[in-house]
Amino acid sequence: MQNHEIIKTEDGSDTLFNLSSGEHYHSIHGAVQESMHVFIDSGFLYSAPSNTNFNILEVGFGTGLNCLLTCKESISRDVRIFYDAIEPYPITKAMADKLNYTGLDGLSAFINEFTMMHSFDDGAVTIGPRFMLHKLKSTLESIELIPDNFNLVYFDAFSAEAQPELWKAEIFLKIRKSMVPGGILVTYAAKGIVRRALQQSGFTTERLPGPPGKREMLRATAV
């Protein structure tokens, strides 16, 4: 039984609608627009220096859009990326092949990279000379994270209404322990309950303007 529907968002890029959770994987106001604003501009480009190794954790690999955009942007930064992505319920390769991301301006040169990202569900692969992807088909609660490892976290799980177990202080504490001091976590969420859970877990938080259709987002710094 098909569990996803492809939805065209307002910026022309696709997202998926999960029929089980009733959630979209990206904003209907613009999938690429949201990913660029929340995760790339406010996270990767804000925190990643040039000419260095950089460790990223993504909670909720989903369509792979954040990973694809990070791969693209990492080239201009000349940074070597080690990208860990947690996704217990990966979409099929057939579904990924239907998404229009590599047909969009600026992404057409990354067809092979996007195909490789969805060629496996669990394990590691070298996407390019400076981009290593490690996917874990597991829940965040069940895996062990290496302490003091990640420079940046993309927290892109479904909403707290759909996945309340992931938006708790104990989960953010687990993530905090896996991050280097001064590491950055970005998420599309901005609710007070999320901000307080982050603060209780050893982060300082700041509200930032959100992408189109959303007033605010959160950026947190591990202290």
N, C-alpha and C. Protein backbone atom coordinates (compact mmCIF):
# COMPACT_ATOMS: atom_id res chain seq x y z
N MET A 1 0.84 -1.20 0.00
CA MET A 1 0.00 0.00 0.00
C MET A 1 0.88 1.25 0.00
N GLN A 2 0.59 2.20 -0.88
CA GLN A 2 1.37 3.42 -0.97
C GLN A 2 1.05 4.31 0.23
N ASN A 3 2.12 4.76 0.91
CA ASN A 3 1.95 5.53 2.13
C ASN A 3 2.26 7.00 1.94
N HIS A 4 2.66 7.39 0.72
CA HIS A 4 3.04 8.78 0.48
C HIS A 4 2.38 9.31 -0.79
N GLU A 5 2.12 10.60 -0.77
CA GLU A 5 1.68 11.31 -1.97
C GLU A 5 2.66 12.45 -2.24
N ILE A 6 3.00 12.66 -3.50
CA ILE A 6 3.86 13.78 -3.88
C ILE A 6 3.00 15.03 -4.01
N ILE A 7 3.43 16.10 -3.35
CA ILE A 7 2.74 17.38 -3.37
C ILE A 7 3.68 18.44 -3.93
N LYS A 8 3.19 19.23 -4.87
CA LYS A 8 3.97 20.35 -5.41
C LYS A 8 3.81 21.54 -4.47
N THR A 9 4.92 22.08 -3.99
CA THR A 9 4.85 23.22 -3.07
C THR A 9 4.93 24.53 -3.84
N GLU A 10 4.76 25.63 -3.13
CA GLU A 10 4.59 26.93 -3.79
C GLU A 10 5.84 27.42 -4.52
N ASP A 11 7.03 26.91 -4.17
CA ASP A 11 8.23 27.33 -4.90
C ASP A 11 8.55 26.40 -6.07
N GLY A 12 7.65 25.45 -6.34
CA GLY A 12 7.82 24.54 -7.46
C GLY A 12 8.50 23.24 -7.13
N SER A 13 9.03 23.12 -5.93
CA SER A 13 9.70 21.88 -5.51
C SER A 13 8.71 20.94 -4.84
N ASP A 14 9.01 19.66 -4.91
CA ASP A 14 8.12 18.64 -4.37
C ASP A 14 8.32 18.44 -2.87
N THR A 15 7.27 17.98 -2.22
CA THR A 15 7.37 17.39 -0.90
C THR A 15 6.52 16.13 -0.90
N LEU A 16 6.58 15.40 0.19
CA LEU A 16 5.75 14.22 0.36
C LEU A 16 4.75 14.45 1.47
N PHE A 17 3.57 13.89 1.30
CA PHE A 17 2.56 13.86 2.37
C PHE A 17 2.48 12.43 2.87
N ASN A 18 2.72 12.25 4.17
CA ASN A 18 2.67 10.93 4.78
C ASN A 18 1.24 10.64 5.20
N LEU A 19 0.64 9.64 4.59
CA LEU A 19 -0.76 9.34 4.84
C LEU A 19 -0.99 8.79 6.24
N SER A 20 0.02 8.17 6.83
CA SER A 20 -0.14 7.60 8.17
C SER A 20 -0.12 8.67 9.25
N SER A 21 0.85 9.59 9.14
CA SER A 21 1.00 10.62 10.17
C SER A 21 0.19 11.86 9.87
N GLY A 22 -0.24 12.02 8.62
CA GLY A 22 -0.94 13.23 8.24
C GLY A 22 -0.04 14.45 8.17
N GLU A 23 1.25 14.21 7.94
CA GLU A 23 2.24 15.30 7.95
C GLU A 23 2.93 15.42 6.59
N HIS A 24 3.26 16.66 6.24
CA HIS A 24 4.12 16.91 5.08
C HIS A 24 5.58 16.84 5.52
N TYR A 25 6.44 16.38 4.63
CA TYR A 25 7.87 16.31 4.93
C TYR A 25 8.51 17.70 4.91
N HIS A 26 7.94 18.61 4.14
CA HIS A 26 8.45 19.97 4.02
C HIS A 26 7.27 20.93 3.98
N SER A 27 7.58 22.20 4.08
CA SER A 27 6.54 23.22 4.04
C SER A 27 5.86 23.25 2.67
N ILE A 28 4.55 23.35 2.67
CA ILE A 28 3.81 23.47 1.42
C ILE A 28 4.04 24.85 0.78
N HIS A 29 4.60 25.78 1.55
CA HIS A 29 4.91 27.11 1.02
C HIS A 29 6.21 27.11 0.22
N GLY A 30 6.93 25.98 0.22
CA GLY A 30 8.17 25.88 -0.53
C GLY A 30 9.14 24.94 0.15
N ALA A 31 9.32 23.76 -0.42
CA ALA A 31 10.17 22.75 0.22
C ALA A 31 11.64 23.17 0.21
N VAL A 32 12.16 23.50 -0.97
CA VAL A 32 13.56 23.93 -1.05
C VAL A 32 13.76 25.23 -0.29
N GLN A 33 12.81 26.13 -0.42
CA GLN A 33 12.89 27.42 0.27
C GLN A 33 13.01 27.22 1.78
N GLU A 34 12.20 26.32 2.34
CA GLU A 34 12.26 26.05 3.78
C GLU A 34 13.58 25.41 4.17
N SER A 35 14.01 24.41 3.42
CA SER A 35 15.26 23.73 3.75
C SER A 35 16.45 24.68 3.70
N MET A 36 16.48 25.53 2.69
CA MET A 36 17.56 26.50 2.58
C MET A 36 17.54 27.47 3.77
N HIS A 37 16.39 27.96 4.12
CA HIS A 37 16.29 28.96 5.18
C HIS A 37 16.63 28.37 6.54
N VAL A 38 16.01 27.25 6.88
CA VAL A 38 16.14 26.70 8.23
C VAL A 38 17.46 25.98 8.43
N PHE A 39 17.81 25.11 7.49
CA PHE A 39 18.94 24.20 7.72
C PHE A 39 20.24 24.67 7.06
N ILE A 40 20.17 25.22 5.87
CA ILE A 40 21.39 25.63 5.19
C ILE A 40 21.83 27.02 5.63
N ASP A 41 20.99 28.03 5.42
CA ASP A 41 21.38 29.40 5.76
C ASP A 41 21.56 29.59 7.27
N SER A 42 20.62 29.09 8.06
CA SER A 42 20.66 29.31 9.50
C SER A 42 21.52 28.30 10.24
N GLY A 43 21.88 27.21 9.56
CA GLY A 43 22.68 26.17 10.19
C GLY A 43 24.03 25.98 9.54
N PHE A 44 24.05 25.39 8.36
CA PHE A 44 25.32 25.04 7.73
C PHE A 44 26.16 26.26 7.37
N LEU A 45 25.59 27.19 6.62
CA LEU A 45 26.38 28.36 6.20
C LEU A 45 26.70 29.27 7.37
N TYR A 46 25.89 29.23 8.41
CA TYR A 46 26.14 30.02 9.61
C TYR A 46 27.31 29.47 10.41
N SER A 47 27.48 28.15 10.41
CA SER A 47 28.42 27.54 11.35
C SER A 47 29.61 26.83 10.74
N ALA A 48 29.55 26.47 9.46
CA ALA A 48 30.61 25.64 8.88
C ALA A 48 31.76 26.50 8.37
N PRO A 49 32.96 26.33 8.91
CA PRO A 49 34.12 27.04 8.38
C PRO A 49 34.61 26.38 7.10
N SER A 50 35.55 27.00 6.45
CA SER A 50 36.14 26.42 5.24
C SER A 50 37.34 25.55 5.59
N ASN A 51 37.69 24.67 4.68
CA ASN A 51 38.93 23.88 4.77
C ASN A 51 39.03 23.10 6.08
N THR A 52 38.01 22.34 6.39
CA THR A 52 38.05 21.57 7.63
C THR A 52 37.12 20.37 7.51
N ASN A 53 37.19 19.47 8.49
CA ASN A 53 36.22 18.39 8.61
C ASN A 53 35.04 18.89 9.44
N PHE A 54 33.84 18.45 9.08
CA PHE A 54 32.64 18.96 9.73
C PHE A 54 31.64 17.83 9.86
N ASN A 55 31.17 17.58 11.08
CA ASN A 55 30.28 16.45 11.36
C ASN A 55 28.85 16.94 11.56
N ILE A 56 27.94 16.36 10.80
CA ILE A 56 26.53 16.75 10.84
C ILE A 56 25.67 15.54 11.21
N LEU A 57 24.68 15.78 12.07
CA LEU A 57 23.66 14.78 12.38
C LEU A 57 22.32 15.31 11.90
N GLU A 58 21.61 14.50 11.13
CA GLU A 58 20.24 14.85 10.75
C GLU A 58 19.28 13.87 11.39
N VAL A 59 18.32 14.40 12.12
CA VAL A 59 17.25 13.59 12.70
C VAL A 59 16.05 13.70 11.77
N GLY A 60 15.83 12.65 10.98
CA GLY A 60 14.76 12.65 10.00
C GLY A 60 15.27 12.91 8.60
N PHE A 61 15.88 11.89 7.97
CA PHE A 61 16.45 12.05 6.63
C PHE A 61 15.36 12.33 5.60
N GLY A 62 14.22 11.65 5.72
CA GLY A 62 13.07 11.93 4.87
C GLY A 62 13.36 11.83 3.39
N THR A 63 13.12 12.91 2.67
CA THR A 63 13.32 12.94 1.22
C THR A 63 14.79 13.05 0.83
N GLY A 64 15.65 13.41 1.78
CA GLY A 64 17.06 13.63 1.46
C GLY A 64 17.36 15.03 0.97
N LEU A 65 16.37 15.92 1.00
CA LEU A 65 16.56 17.27 0.47
C LEU A 65 17.61 18.04 1.25
N ASN A 66 17.59 17.97 2.58
CA ASN A 66 18.59 18.69 3.38
C ASN A 66 19.99 18.18 3.07
N CYS A 67 20.12 16.88 2.91
CA CYS A 67 21.41 16.28 2.59
C CYS A 67 21.88 16.74 1.22
N LEU A 68 20.98 16.75 0.25
CA LEU A 68 21.33 17.17 -1.11
C LEU A 68 21.80 18.62 -1.13
N LEU A 69 21.08 19.50 -0.46
CA LEU A 69 21.45 20.91 -0.43
C LEU A 69 22.76 21.13 0.31
N THR A 70 22.99 20.35 1.36
CA THR A 70 24.26 20.45 2.09
C THR A 70 25.41 20.00 1.21
N CYS A 71 25.21 18.93 0.48
CA CYS A 71 26.23 18.44 -0.46
C CYS A 71 26.59 19.53 -1.47
N LYS A 72 25.58 20.18 -2.01
CA LYS A 72 25.81 21.25 -2.98
C LYS A 72 26.58 22.41 -2.35
N GLU A 73 26.13 22.87 -1.19
CA GLU A 73 26.74 24.04 -0.57
C GLU A 73 28.14 23.75 -0.02
N SER A 74 28.42 22.50 0.30
CA SER A 74 29.73 22.17 0.87
C SER A 74 30.85 22.35 -0.15
N ILE A 75 30.53 22.30 -1.42
CA ILE A 75 31.55 22.44 -2.46
C ILE A 75 32.18 23.83 -2.42
N SER A 76 31.34 24.86 -2.31
CA SER A 76 31.87 26.23 -2.27
C SER A 76 32.62 26.51 -0.98
N ARG A 77 32.29 25.78 0.08
CA ARG A 77 32.98 25.96 1.36
C ARG A 77 34.27 25.16 1.43
N ASP A 78 34.47 24.24 0.51
CA ASP A 78 35.66 23.38 0.52
C ASP A 78 35.81 22.72 1.89
N VAL A 79 34.71 22.15 2.37
CA VAL A 79 34.70 21.50 3.68
C VAL A 79 34.39 20.02 3.50
N ARG A 80 35.04 19.18 4.27
CA ARG A 80 34.81 17.74 4.19
C ARG A 80 33.71 17.38 5.18
N ILE A 81 32.62 16.81 4.66
CA ILE A 81 31.42 16.55 5.46
C ILE A 81 31.32 15.07 5.82
N PHE A 82 31.08 14.83 7.09
CA PHE A 82 30.69 13.50 7.58
C PHE A 82 29.24 13.65 8.07
N TYR A 83 28.32 13.06 7.33
CA TYR A 83 26.89 13.32 7.51
C TYR A 83 26.21 12.05 8.00
N ASP A 84 25.75 12.07 9.25
CA ASP A 84 25.00 10.95 9.82
C ASP A 84 23.52 11.29 9.77
N ALA A 85 22.70 10.39 9.24
CA ALA A 85 21.27 10.64 9.10
C ALA A 85 20.47 9.49 9.71
N ILE A 86 19.58 9.84 10.61
CA ILE A 86 18.72 8.85 11.26
C ILE A 86 17.36 8.85 10.57
N GLU A 87 16.94 7.69 10.09
CA GLU A 87 15.64 7.56 9.44
C GLU A 87 15.12 6.14 9.62
N PRO A 88 14.25 5.93 10.61
CA PRO A 88 13.73 4.57 10.84
C PRO A 88 12.74 4.10 9.79
N TYR A 89 12.15 5.04 9.05
CA TYR A 89 11.13 4.68 8.06
C TYR A 89 11.47 5.33 6.72
N PRO A 90 12.51 4.83 6.04
CA PRO A 90 12.95 5.47 4.79
C PRO A 90 11.93 5.32 3.67
N ILE A 91 11.90 6.32 2.82
CA ILE A 91 11.06 6.21 1.63
C ILE A 91 11.76 5.27 0.64
N THR A 92 11.00 4.74 -0.30
CA THR A 92 11.58 3.82 -1.28
C THR A 92 12.39 4.60 -2.32
N LYS A 93 13.31 3.91 -2.96
CA LYS A 93 14.08 4.53 -4.03
C LYS A 93 13.15 4.94 -5.17
N ALA A 94 12.14 4.13 -5.44
CA ALA A 94 11.19 4.45 -6.50
C ALA A 94 10.47 5.77 -6.21
N MET A 95 10.13 5.99 -4.94
CA MET A 95 9.49 7.25 -4.58
C MET A 95 10.47 8.41 -4.69
N ALA A 96 11.70 8.20 -4.23
CA ALA A 96 12.71 9.26 -4.33
C ALA A 96 12.97 9.66 -5.78
N ASP A 97 12.94 8.67 -6.67
CA ASP A 97 13.19 8.94 -8.09
C ASP A 97 12.12 9.85 -8.71
N LYS A 98 10.95 9.89 -8.09
CA LYS A 98 9.86 10.71 -8.63
C LYS A 98 9.94 12.17 -8.18
N LEU A 99 10.74 12.44 -7.15
CA LEU A 99 10.86 13.81 -6.65
C LEU A 99 11.63 14.66 -7.65
N ASN A 100 11.27 15.93 -7.76
CA ASN A 100 11.80 16.75 -8.85
C ASN A 100 13.04 17.57 -8.49
N TYR A 101 13.68 17.27 -7.38
CA TYR A 101 14.76 18.15 -6.90
C TYR A 101 15.89 18.32 -7.90
N THR A 102 16.33 17.24 -8.52
CA THR A 102 17.47 17.36 -9.43
C THR A 102 17.08 17.94 -10.79
N GLY A 103 15.82 18.26 -10.95
CA GLY A 103 15.38 18.98 -12.14
C GLY A 103 15.28 20.47 -11.93
N LEU A 104 15.58 20.91 -10.70
CA LEU A 104 15.49 22.33 -10.36
C LEU A 104 16.80 23.04 -10.65
N ASP A 105 16.71 24.35 -10.85
CA ASP A 105 17.90 25.16 -11.10
C ASP A 105 18.90 24.99 -9.95
N GLY A 106 20.15 24.78 -10.29
CA GLY A 106 21.20 24.66 -9.30
C GLY A 106 21.42 23.27 -8.77
N LEU A 107 20.50 22.34 -9.05
CA LEU A 107 20.62 20.99 -8.52
C LEU A 107 20.74 19.93 -9.61
N SER A 108 20.67 20.34 -10.86
CA SER A 108 20.70 19.36 -11.95
C SER A 108 22.04 18.64 -12.07
N ALA A 109 23.08 19.23 -11.50
CA ALA A 109 24.41 18.59 -11.55
C ALA A 109 24.58 17.53 -10.47
N PHE A 110 23.54 17.32 -9.65
CA PHE A 110 23.67 16.42 -8.50
C PHE A 110 22.75 15.20 -8.62
N ILE A 111 22.44 14.80 -9.85
CA ILE A 111 21.58 13.64 -10.06
C ILE A 111 22.23 12.38 -9.48
N ASN A 112 23.49 12.16 -9.77
CA ASN A 112 24.17 10.96 -9.28
C ASN A 112 24.25 10.95 -7.76
N GLU A 113 24.53 12.11 -7.17
CA GLU A 113 24.62 12.18 -5.71
C GLU A 113 23.28 11.85 -5.06
N PHE A 114 22.20 12.41 -5.61
CA PHE A 114 20.88 12.15 -5.03
C PHE A 114 20.49 10.69 -5.19
N THR A 115 20.83 10.11 -6.33
CA THR A 115 20.56 8.68 -6.55
C THR A 115 21.31 7.83 -5.53
N MET A 116 22.56 8.16 -5.29
CA MET A 116 23.35 7.41 -4.31
C MET A 116 22.78 7.55 -2.90
N MET A 117 22.29 8.72 -2.57
CA MET A 117 21.73 8.94 -1.23
C MET A 117 20.56 8.02 -0.94
N HIS A 118 19.83 7.65 -1.99
CA HIS A 118 18.65 6.80 -1.81
C HIS A 118 18.88 5.37 -2.30
N SER A 119 20.12 5.00 -2.52
CA SER A 119 20.42 3.65 -3.00
C SER A 119 20.55 2.64 -1.87
N PHE A 120 20.48 3.10 -0.62
CA PHE A 120 20.60 2.22 0.54
C PHE A 120 19.85 2.86 1.70
N ASP A 121 19.50 2.03 2.69
CA ASP A 121 18.76 2.53 3.86
C ASP A 121 19.60 2.53 5.13
N ASP A 122 20.62 1.68 5.17
CA ASP A 122 21.41 1.55 6.40
C ASP A 122 22.85 1.23 6.01
N GLY A 123 23.78 2.04 6.48
CA GLY A 123 25.18 1.84 6.13
C GLY A 123 25.82 3.15 5.72
N ALA A 124 26.98 3.06 5.08
CA ALA A 124 27.73 4.26 4.73
C ALA A 124 28.18 4.20 3.28
N VAL A 125 28.26 5.37 2.67
CA VAL A 125 28.73 5.47 1.29
C VAL A 125 29.42 6.82 1.11
N THR A 126 30.41 6.85 0.26
CA THR A 126 31.07 8.10 -0.09
C THR A 126 30.35 8.69 -1.29
N ILE A 127 29.69 9.83 -1.06
CA ILE A 127 28.92 10.47 -2.11
C ILE A 127 29.83 11.22 -3.08
N GLY A 128 30.89 11.77 -2.55
CA GLY A 128 31.87 12.50 -3.35
C GLY A 128 33.18 12.52 -2.61
N PRO A 129 34.20 13.13 -3.18
CA PRO A 129 35.51 13.12 -2.53
C PRO A 129 35.53 13.79 -1.17
N ARG A 130 34.54 14.64 -0.91
CA ARG A 130 34.52 15.36 0.36
C ARG A 130 33.17 15.26 1.07
N PHE A 131 32.40 14.20 0.76
CA PHE A 131 31.08 14.05 1.39
C PHE A 131 30.82 12.59 1.67
N MET A 132 30.79 12.24 2.95
CA MET A 132 30.54 10.88 3.40
C MET A 132 29.17 10.82 4.10
N LEU A 133 28.32 9.93 3.64
CA LEU A 133 26.97 9.78 4.20
C LEU A 133 26.85 8.45 4.93
N HIS A 134 26.39 8.52 6.16
CA HIS A 134 26.12 7.34 6.98
C HIS A 134 24.66 7.38 7.40
N LYS A 135 23.86 6.43 6.91
CA LYS A 135 22.44 6.38 7.23
C LYS A 135 22.17 5.27 8.24
N LEU A 136 21.31 5.58 9.20
CA LEU A 136 20.95 4.62 10.24
C LEU A 136 19.45 4.40 10.20
N LYS A 137 19.05 3.18 9.88
CA LYS A 137 17.63 2.83 9.86
C LYS A 137 17.24 2.39 11.27
N SER A 138 17.19 3.36 12.15
CA SER A 138 16.93 3.12 13.57
C SER A 138 16.22 4.34 14.14
N THR A 139 15.65 4.16 15.31
CA THR A 139 15.08 5.30 16.01
C THR A 139 16.17 6.01 16.79
N LEU A 140 15.99 7.28 17.00
CA LEU A 140 16.96 8.05 17.79
C LEU A 140 17.07 7.50 19.20
N GLU A 141 15.96 7.05 19.74
CA GLU A 141 15.96 6.54 21.11
C GLU A 141 16.80 5.28 21.26
N SER A 142 16.94 4.49 20.20
CA SER A 142 17.56 3.18 20.31
C SER A 142 19.05 3.15 19.98
N ILE A 143 19.59 4.22 19.43
CA ILE A 143 20.99 4.19 19.02
C ILE A 143 21.86 4.94 20.02
N GLU A 144 23.16 4.61 19.99
CA GLU A 144 24.14 5.32 20.79
C GLU A 144 24.85 6.33 19.90
N LEU A 145 25.00 7.54 20.41
CA LEU A 145 25.68 8.59 19.67
C LEU A 145 27.06 8.82 20.28
N ILE A 146 28.05 9.03 19.44
CA ILE A 146 29.41 9.28 19.91
C ILE A 146 29.46 10.62 20.64
N PRO A 147 30.02 10.67 21.84
CA PRO A 147 30.09 11.94 22.58
C PRO A 147 30.98 12.97 21.89
N ASP A 148 30.65 14.23 22.06
CA ASP A 148 31.49 15.34 21.60
C ASP A 148 31.89 15.20 20.13
N ASN A 149 30.93 14.92 19.29
CA ASN A 149 31.23 14.58 17.90
C ASN A 149 30.67 15.57 16.89
N PHE A 150 29.41 15.94 17.02
CA PHE A 150 28.73 16.68 15.96
C PHE A 150 28.91 18.19 16.11
N ASN A 151 29.20 18.82 14.98
CA ASN A 151 29.29 20.28 14.92
C ASN A 151 27.94 20.92 14.66
N LEU A 152 27.06 20.17 14.00
CA LEU A 152 25.77 20.72 13.57
C LEU A 152 24.72 19.63 13.56
N VAL A 153 23.53 19.97 14.03
CA VAL A 153 22.41 19.03 14.03
C VAL A 153 21.23 19.66 13.30
N TYR A 154 20.72 18.94 12.30
CA TYR A 154 19.46 19.29 11.67
C TYR A 154 18.37 18.48 12.37
N PHE A 155 17.54 19.15 13.16
CA PHE A 155 16.46 18.42 13.83
C PHE A 155 15.20 18.61 12.99
N ASP A 156 14.91 17.60 12.16
CA ASP A 156 13.86 17.71 11.15
C ASP A 156 12.87 16.55 11.25
N ALA A 157 12.57 16.16 12.48
CA ALA A 157 11.55 15.14 12.71
C ALA A 157 10.17 15.70 12.40
N PHE A 158 9.19 14.80 12.29
CA PHE A 158 7.82 15.26 12.20
C PHE A 158 7.47 16.07 13.45
N SER A 159 6.36 16.76 13.42
CA SER A 159 6.00 17.69 14.48
C SER A 159 5.81 16.99 15.82
N ALA A 160 5.78 17.80 16.87
CA ALA A 160 5.57 17.27 18.22
C ALA A 160 4.20 16.62 18.35
N GLU A 161 3.25 17.03 17.53
CA GLU A 161 1.93 16.39 17.56
C GLU A 161 2.01 14.97 17.00
N ALA A 162 2.82 14.78 15.97
CA ALA A 162 2.94 13.46 15.33
C ALA A 162 3.95 12.56 16.03
N GLN A 163 5.04 13.15 16.54
CA GLN A 163 6.10 12.38 17.19
C GLN A 163 6.50 13.03 18.52
N PRO A 164 5.60 13.04 19.50
CA PRO A 164 5.90 13.72 20.77
C PRO A 164 7.10 13.15 21.49
N GLU A 165 7.42 11.87 21.24
CA GLU A 165 8.53 11.23 21.94
C GLU A 165 9.88 11.82 21.55
N LEU A 166 9.95 12.53 20.43
CA LEU A 166 11.23 13.07 19.97
C LEU A 166 11.48 14.51 20.41
N TRP A 167 10.50 15.15 20.99
CA TRP A 167 10.63 16.56 21.33
C TRP A 167 10.73 16.78 22.84
N LYS A 168 11.34 15.83 23.51
CA LYS A 168 11.45 15.89 24.97
C LYS A 168 12.87 16.25 25.39
N ALA A 169 12.99 16.75 26.63
CA ALA A 169 14.30 17.18 27.13
C ALA A 169 15.31 16.05 27.12
N GLU A 170 14.89 14.82 27.44
CA GLU A 170 15.84 13.72 27.49
C GLU A 170 16.42 13.40 26.10
N ILE A 171 15.63 13.61 25.06
CA ILE A 171 16.13 13.41 23.70
C ILE A 171 17.13 14.50 23.34
N PHE A 172 16.80 15.74 23.67
CA PHE A 172 17.72 16.84 23.38
C PHE A 172 18.99 16.73 24.21
N LEU A 173 18.89 16.20 25.42
CA LEU A 173 20.09 15.98 26.23
C LEU A 173 20.99 14.94 25.58
N LYS A 174 20.40 13.89 25.06
CA LYS A 174 21.18 12.87 24.35
C LYS A 174 21.92 13.48 23.17
N ILE A 175 21.22 14.32 22.43
CA ILE A 175 21.85 15.00 21.30
C ILE A 175 22.93 15.95 21.78
N ARG A 176 22.63 16.71 22.82
CA ARG A 176 23.62 17.68 23.34
C ARG A 176 24.93 16.98 23.70
N LYS A 177 24.86 15.82 24.33
CA LYS A 177 26.07 15.11 24.73
C LYS A 177 26.88 14.63 23.52
N SER A 178 26.21 14.51 22.38
CA SER A 178 26.91 14.06 21.17
C SER A 178 27.54 15.21 20.39
N MET A 179 27.33 16.45 20.85
CA MET A 179 27.80 17.63 20.14
C MET A 179 29.04 18.23 20.79
N VAL A 180 29.83 18.90 19.98
CA VAL A 180 30.97 19.64 20.51
C VAL A 180 30.45 20.91 21.17
N PRO A 181 31.14 21.43 22.19
CA PRO A 181 30.75 22.72 22.76
C PRO A 181 30.73 23.80 21.68
N GLY A 182 29.67 24.56 21.66
CA GLY A 182 29.50 25.57 20.63
C GLY A 182 28.84 25.06 19.37
N GLY A 183 28.53 23.76 19.33
CA GLY A 183 27.83 23.20 18.19
C GLY A 183 26.43 23.79 18.06
N ILE A 184 25.89 23.72 16.85
CA ILE A 184 24.62 24.36 16.53
C ILE A 184 23.56 23.32 16.20
N LEU A 185 22.35 23.52 16.72
CA LEU A 185 21.17 22.73 16.36
C LEU A 185 20.15 23.69 15.76
N VAL A 186 19.60 23.33 14.62
CA VAL A 186 18.54 24.14 14.01
C VAL A 186 17.31 23.27 13.77
N THR A 187 16.15 23.89 13.93
CA THR A 187 14.89 23.19 13.71
C THR A 187 13.84 24.20 13.26
N TYR A 188 12.88 23.70 12.49
CA TYR A 188 11.78 24.54 12.03
C TYR A 188 10.82 24.90 13.15
N ALA A 189 10.84 24.13 14.25
CA ALA A 189 9.90 24.33 15.34
C ALA A 189 10.27 25.56 16.16
N ALA A 190 9.27 26.20 16.75
CA ALA A 190 9.54 27.38 17.57
C ALA A 190 8.64 27.45 18.80
N LYS A 191 7.90 26.39 19.07
CA LYS A 191 6.99 26.41 20.22
C LYS A 191 7.76 26.54 21.52
N GLY A 192 7.11 27.14 22.50
CA GLY A 192 7.74 27.33 23.80
C GLY A 192 8.15 26.02 24.45
N ILE A 193 7.36 24.98 24.26
CA ILE A 193 7.68 23.69 24.88
C ILE A 193 8.98 23.12 24.29
N VAL A 194 9.23 23.37 23.02
CA VAL A 194 10.48 22.91 22.39
C VAL A 194 11.65 23.75 22.87
N ARG A 195 11.47 25.05 22.92
CA ARG A 195 12.54 25.94 23.39
C ARG A 195 12.93 25.62 24.83
N ARG A 196 11.94 25.38 25.68
CA ARG A 196 12.24 25.06 27.08
C ARG A 196 12.94 23.71 27.21
N ALA A 197 12.53 22.74 26.41
CA ALA A 197 13.19 21.43 26.44
C ALA A 197 14.65 21.54 26.02
N LEU A 198 14.94 22.37 25.05
CA LEU A 198 16.32 22.60 24.63
C LEU A 198 17.12 23.27 25.73
N GLN A 199 16.54 24.27 26.35
CA GLN A 199 17.24 24.99 27.41
C GLN A 199 17.51 24.08 28.61
N GLN A 200 16.59 23.20 28.92
CA GLN A 200 16.78 22.25 30.02
C GLN A 200 17.87 21.23 29.72
N SER A 201 18.24 21.12 28.46
CA SER A 201 19.17 20.07 28.03
C SER A 201 20.58 20.59 27.76
N GLY A 202 20.83 21.86 28.09
CA GLY A 202 22.17 22.39 27.93
C GLY A 202 22.39 23.20 26.67
N PHE A 203 21.33 23.80 26.16
CA PHE A 203 21.44 24.67 25.00
C PHE A 203 21.03 26.10 25.37
N THR A 204 21.64 27.06 24.73
CA THR A 204 21.05 28.39 24.68
C THR A 204 20.26 28.47 23.37
N THR A 205 19.18 29.22 23.37
CA THR A 205 18.31 29.24 22.20
C THR A 205 18.08 30.66 21.71
N GLU A 206 17.82 30.77 20.44
CA GLU A 206 17.43 32.05 19.86
C GLU A 206 16.33 31.81 18.85
N ARG A 207 15.34 32.69 18.88
CA ARG A 207 14.29 32.65 17.87
C ARG A 207 14.76 33.44 16.66
N LEU A 208 14.58 32.85 15.50
CA LEU A 208 14.92 33.51 14.25
C LEU A 208 13.67 33.61 13.39
N PRO A 209 13.64 34.57 12.46
CA PRO A 209 12.50 34.61 11.53
C PRO A 209 12.40 33.28 10.78
N GLY A 210 11.18 32.81 10.62
CA GLY A 210 10.97 31.54 9.95
C GLY A 210 10.90 31.70 8.44
N PRO A 211 10.80 30.60 7.72
CA PRO A 211 10.63 30.65 6.27
C PRO A 211 9.21 31.10 5.93
N PRO A 212 8.92 31.37 4.68
CA PRO A 212 7.56 31.75 4.30
C PRO A 212 6.51 30.78 4.86
N GLY A 213 5.47 31.36 5.45
CA GLY A 213 4.42 30.55 6.04
C GLY A 213 4.62 30.22 7.49
N LYS A 214 5.78 30.61 8.05
CA LYS A 214 6.07 30.31 9.45
C LYS A 214 6.76 31.51 10.07
N ARG A 215 6.24 31.97 11.19
CA ARG A 215 6.75 33.22 11.78
C ARG A 215 8.15 33.07 12.34
N GLU A 216 8.43 31.95 13.03
CA GLU A 216 9.71 31.79 13.71
C GLU A 216 10.25 30.37 13.56
N MET A 217 11.55 30.23 13.82
CA MET A 217 12.23 28.94 13.93
C MET A 217 13.19 29.07 15.10
N LEU A 218 13.88 27.98 15.44
CA LEU A 218 14.82 28.00 16.55
C LEU A 218 16.22 27.60 16.10
N ARG A 219 17.20 28.33 16.66
CA ARG A 219 18.59 27.91 16.56
C ARG A 219 19.13 27.80 17.99
N ALA A 220 19.77 26.69 18.29
CA ALA A 220 20.26 26.43 19.64
C ALA A 220 21.76 26.17 19.59
N THR A 221 22.45 26.63 20.63
CA THR A 221 23.90 26.44 20.74
C THR A 221 24.21 25.58 21.94
N ALA A 222 25.01 24.53 21.75
CA ALA A 222 25.41 23.65 22.84
C ALA A 222 26.43 24.36 23.72
N VAL A 223 26.18 24.38 25.03
CA VAL A 223 27.08 25.07 25.96
C VAL A 223 27.69 24.07 26.93
